[in-house]
Amino acid sequence: MNLHAFCYLGLLRFPEQLELSLALLPEGQKAEAGNILASVKDLPKTELLQKWSRLRDDERAAVRQNAYRQFGIRLDDMVPSVKEGCLSWLADQNG
């Protein structure tokens, strides 16, 4: 699980429940998530959205690179409907 994504989305969608949600994380991730939350909880919503967007872009780029490296598939050359399905499948395989 990407703890940055957990904190960004939690602050954007369910800020009043995020700190309680940290208790649901495995022991090894609670402290790290708490540190991330402490560093971003006072950021404006626009900055959280930008960070979330960058994170998603970085993850998609990594999936694209992995697809090409492992299978020789260039996702950007596919039609959009097939590309989205492949991205989803590849993300599930690596997640």
Protein backbone atom coordinates (compact mmCIF):
# COMPACT_ATOMS: atom_id res chain seq x y z
CA MET A 1 0.00 0.00 0.00
CA ASN A 2 1.24 3.46 -0.83
CA LEU A 3 1.04 5.36 2.43
CA HIS A 4 1.33 8.73 0.71
CA ALA A 5 -1.76 7.91 -1.34
CA PHE A 6 -3.51 6.73 1.84
CA CYS A 7 -2.82 10.06 3.54
CA TYR A 8 -3.56 12.28 0.53
CA LEU A 9 -6.86 10.60 -0.23
CA GLY A 10 -7.79 10.42 3.42
CA LEU A 11 -7.25 14.15 3.84
CA LEU A 12 -9.11 14.95 0.63
CA ARG A 13 -12.09 12.62 1.11
CA PHE A 14 -12.43 11.77 4.82
CA PRO A 15 -10.26 14.16 6.85
CA GLU A 16 -12.28 13.71 10.04
CA GLN A 17 -11.77 9.93 9.93
CA LEU A 18 -8.17 9.69 8.75
CA GLU A 19 -6.41 9.64 12.10
CA LEU A 20 -8.76 6.90 13.33
CA SER A 21 -8.13 4.99 10.09
CA LEU A 22 -4.41 4.87 10.83
CA ALA A 23 -5.20 2.34 13.55
CA LEU A 24 -6.33 -0.10 10.85
CA LEU A 25 -2.87 -0.21 9.26
CA PRO A 26 -0.41 -2.99 10.06
CA GLU A 27 1.91 -2.19 12.95
CA GLY A 28 4.90 -1.61 10.69
CA GLN A 29 3.09 1.07 8.70
CA LYS A 30 1.34 3.07 11.43
CA ALA A 31 4.34 5.18 12.42
CA GLU A 32 5.34 5.88 8.83
CA ALA A 33 1.80 6.88 7.91
CA GLY A 34 1.63 9.07 11.02
CA ASN A 35 4.82 10.86 9.96
CA ILE A 36 3.49 11.40 6.44
CA LEU A 37 0.19 12.68 7.79
CA ALA A 38 1.97 15.09 10.14
CA SER A 39 3.97 16.50 7.23
CA VAL A 40 0.97 17.06 4.92
CA LYS A 41 -2.09 17.60 7.10
CA ASP A 42 -1.83 21.41 7.07
CA LEU A 43 -1.34 21.72 3.31
CA PRO A 44 -4.06 23.47 1.31
CA LYS A 45 -6.43 21.21 -0.60
CA THR A 46 -5.02 22.42 -3.94
CA GLU A 47 -1.53 21.27 -2.96
CA LEU A 48 -2.83 17.89 -1.78
CA LEU A 49 -4.57 17.49 -5.15
CA GLN A 50 -1.33 18.32 -6.96
CA LYS A 51 0.62 15.81 -4.88
CA TRP A 52 -2.03 13.13 -5.49
CA SER A 53 -1.99 13.87 -9.22
CA ARG A 54 1.83 13.66 -9.37
CA LEU A 55 1.77 10.41 -7.45
CA ARG A 56 -0.74 8.90 -9.89
CA ASP A 57 1.29 10.10 -12.88
CA ASP A 58 4.48 8.59 -11.43
CA GLU A 59 2.76 5.27 -10.75
CA ARG A 60 1.29 5.12 -14.26
CA ALA A 61 4.70 5.89 -15.77
CA ALA A 62 6.24 3.08 -13.72
CA VAL A 63 3.56 0.64 -14.90
CA ARG A 64 4.16 1.69 -18.53
CA GLN A 65 7.91 1.19 -18.18
CA ASN A 66 7.40 -2.16 -16.49
CA ALA A 67 5.03 -3.32 -19.25
CA TYR A 68 7.57 -2.45 -21.91
CA ARG A 69 10.50 -3.97 -20.01
CA GLN A 70 8.70 -7.23 -19.19
CA PHE A 71 6.47 -7.75 -22.22
CA GLY A 72 7.62 -5.37 -24.95
CA ILE A 73 4.19 -3.69 -24.87
CA ARG A 74 3.99 0.02 -25.62
CA LEU A 75 0.82 1.04 -23.84
CA ASP A 76 0.75 4.49 -25.43
CA ASP A 77 0.33 2.89 -28.86
CA MET A 78 -2.86 1.06 -27.84
CA VAL A 79 -6.39 2.30 -28.29
CA PRO A 80 -7.63 3.96 -25.08
CA SER A 81 -10.12 1.26 -24.08
CA VAL A 82 -7.51 -1.50 -24.37
CA LYS A 83 -4.82 0.64 -22.74
CA GLU A 84 -6.91 1.30 -19.64
CA GLY A 85 -7.67 -2.41 -19.27
CA CYS A 86 -3.98 -3.29 -19.59
CA LEU A 87 -2.97 -0.60 -17.09
CA SER A 88 -5.49 -1.93 -14.63
CA TRP A 89 -4.34 -5.51 -15.10
CA LEU A 90 -0.67 -4.60 -14.80
CA ALA A 91 -1.32 -2.54 -11.68
CA ASP A 92 -3.12 -5.52 -10.12
CA GLN A 93 -0.18 -7.79 -10.98
CA ASN A 94 2.34 -5.45 -9.37
CA GLY A 95 0.25 -4.29 -6.44
